Amino acid sequence: MTGINTRALDRELKRGSAELLILSLLDTRPRHGYELSKLIHARSDGHLTFHIDSLYPLLYRLEERGWIKGTWVEKAGERRRRFYKVTAEGRLVLAAQRKTWAAFVAAVHRVTGGEHV
């Protein structure tokens, strides 16, 4: 029996949850990409890391789908930043994704004998 490639599994889980994570953080208030990256890292106790080179293409895709809207903001003494916020359509997608993930996690717990959520 061969060992499981945990790095590949981690990468796939992160890819599958990326939209949910971004939409969830933007649901509370507009944020820029660097802030999103830092929040994900901090709130996951360092288990999830989204590097800028993979985060921005994801933000652009979400914006193309109409789920988020980006706006350039300039503040005196600071560099220009693009802040993103969730659109009405994005909130509908987020609600559906939250239900899907909750059902998935509950099912995994039932199969593996983990605690119930």
Protein backbone atom coordinates (compact mmCIF):
# COMPACT_ATOMS: atom_id res chain seq x y z
CA MET A 1 0.00 0.00 0.00
CA THR A 2 1.40 3.38 -0.93
CA GLY A 3 1.35 6.39 1.36
CA ILE A 4 -1.15 9.15 0.72
CA ASN A 5 0.26 12.38 -0.64
CA THR A 6 -0.90 14.72 2.12
CA ARG A 7 0.39 17.80 0.31
CA ALA A 8 -1.75 16.97 -2.73
CA LEU A 9 -4.76 16.29 -0.50
CA ASP A 10 -4.23 19.58 1.36
CA ARG A 11 -3.98 21.40 -1.97
CA GLU A 12 -7.22 19.85 -3.24
CA LEU A 13 -9.10 20.63 -0.02
CA LYS A 14 -7.85 24.22 -0.14
CA ARG A 15 -8.84 24.56 -3.79
CA GLY A 16 -12.30 23.20 -3.03
CA SER A 17 -12.86 25.59 -0.13
CA ALA A 18 -11.21 28.74 -1.49
CA GLU A 19 -14.39 30.38 -2.79
CA LEU A 20 -16.22 29.71 0.48
CA LEU A 21 -13.39 31.19 2.53
CA ILE A 22 -13.07 34.34 0.42
CA LEU A 23 -16.82 34.97 0.18
CA SER A 24 -17.21 34.40 3.93
CA LEU A 25 -14.56 36.97 4.82
CA LEU A 26 -15.93 39.49 2.35
CA ASP A 27 -19.45 38.99 3.67
CA THR A 28 -18.58 40.93 6.82
CA ARG A 29 -16.97 43.93 5.07
CA PRO A 30 -14.89 44.91 2.04
CA ARG A 31 -11.25 43.81 2.20
CA HIS A 32 -8.16 43.88 0.00
CA GLY A 33 -6.26 40.79 -1.13
CA TYR A 34 -3.35 41.03 1.30
CA GLU A 35 -5.77 41.37 4.22
CA LEU A 36 -7.71 38.30 3.01
CA SER A 37 -4.50 36.29 2.85
CA LYS A 38 -3.46 37.31 6.37
CA LEU A 39 -6.93 36.67 7.84
CA ILE A 40 -7.14 33.17 6.37
CA HIS A 41 -3.71 32.35 7.73
CA ALA A 42 -4.44 33.80 11.19
CA ARG A 43 -7.96 32.40 11.64
CA SER A 44 -6.85 28.92 10.56
CA ASP A 45 -3.96 28.99 13.05
CA GLY A 46 -1.55 28.78 10.13
CA HIS A 47 -3.08 25.66 8.60
CA LEU A 48 -4.32 27.49 5.50
CA THR A 49 -2.13 29.79 3.48
CA PHE A 50 -3.14 31.57 0.30
CA HIS A 51 -0.18 33.10 -1.43
CA ILE A 52 -0.79 36.29 -3.34
CA ASP A 53 0.13 34.63 -6.65
CA SER A 54 -2.80 32.22 -6.29
CA LEU A 55 -5.18 34.53 -4.42
CA TYR A 56 -5.45 37.31 -6.98
CA PRO A 57 -6.39 35.04 -9.91
CA LEU A 58 -9.14 33.62 -7.65
CA LEU A 59 -10.38 37.13 -6.84
CA TYR A 60 -10.42 37.99 -10.55
CA ARG A 61 -12.46 34.83 -11.32
CA LEU A 62 -14.96 35.62 -8.57
CA GLU A 63 -15.29 39.13 -9.94
CA GLU A 64 -15.81 37.84 -13.49
CA ARG A 65 -18.62 35.60 -12.20
CA GLY A 66 -20.27 38.61 -10.58
CA TRP A 67 -19.92 37.23 -7.04
CA ILE A 68 -17.66 40.05 -5.82
CA LYS A 69 -16.99 43.62 -6.92
CA GLY A 70 -13.59 45.29 -6.69
CA THR A 71 -12.98 49.01 -6.28
CA TRP A 72 -9.68 50.87 -6.23
CA VAL A 73 -9.22 52.97 -3.09
CA GLU A 74 -6.53 55.59 -2.57
CA LYS A 75 -5.71 56.93 0.88
CA ALA A 76 -3.26 59.72 1.65
CA GLY A 77 0.15 58.33 2.51
CA GLU A 78 -0.78 54.78 1.45
CA ARG A 79 -0.49 52.91 -1.79
CA ARG A 80 -3.58 52.30 -3.88
CA ARG A 81 -5.44 49.08 -3.01
CA ARG A 82 -8.29 47.17 -4.58
CA PHE A 83 -11.02 46.40 -2.06
CA TYR A 84 -13.50 43.64 -2.79
CA LYS A 85 -17.05 43.23 -1.50
CA VAL A 86 -19.65 40.50 -1.97
CA THR A 87 -22.47 41.17 -4.41
CA ALA A 88 -26.08 40.06 -3.94
CA GLU A 89 -25.41 37.11 -6.25
CA GLY A 90 -22.28 36.29 -4.25
CA ARG A 91 -24.31 36.16 -1.05
CA LEU A 92 -26.66 33.61 -2.63
CA VAL A 93 -23.68 31.51 -3.71
CA LEU A 94 -22.16 31.83 -0.23
CA ALA A 95 -25.36 30.63 1.44
CA ALA A 96 -25.50 27.59 -0.85
CA GLN A 97 -21.81 26.80 -0.32
CA ARG A 98 -22.16 27.04 3.46
CA LYS A 99 -24.99 24.48 3.37
CA THR A 100 -23.01 22.18 1.08
CA TRP A 101 -19.89 22.33 3.27
CA ALA A 102 -21.86 21.79 6.48
CA ALA A 103 -23.50 18.69 4.98
CA PHE A 104 -20.14 17.43 3.69
CA VAL A 105 -18.37 17.89 7.04
CA ALA A 106 -21.25 16.21 8.90
CA ALA A 107 -21.12 13.27 6.48
CA VAL A 108 -17.35 12.90 6.88
CA HIS A 109 -17.75 12.91 10.67
CA ARG A 110 -20.43 10.21 10.45
CA VAL A 111 -18.25 8.03 8.25
CA THR A 112 -15.06 8.49 10.25
CA GLY A 113 -16.70 8.27 13.67
CA GLY A 114 -15.69 11.81 14.53
CA GLU A 115 -17.70 14.08 16.76
CA HIS A 116 -20.96 15.38 15.39
CA VAL A 117 -21.06 18.98 14.32
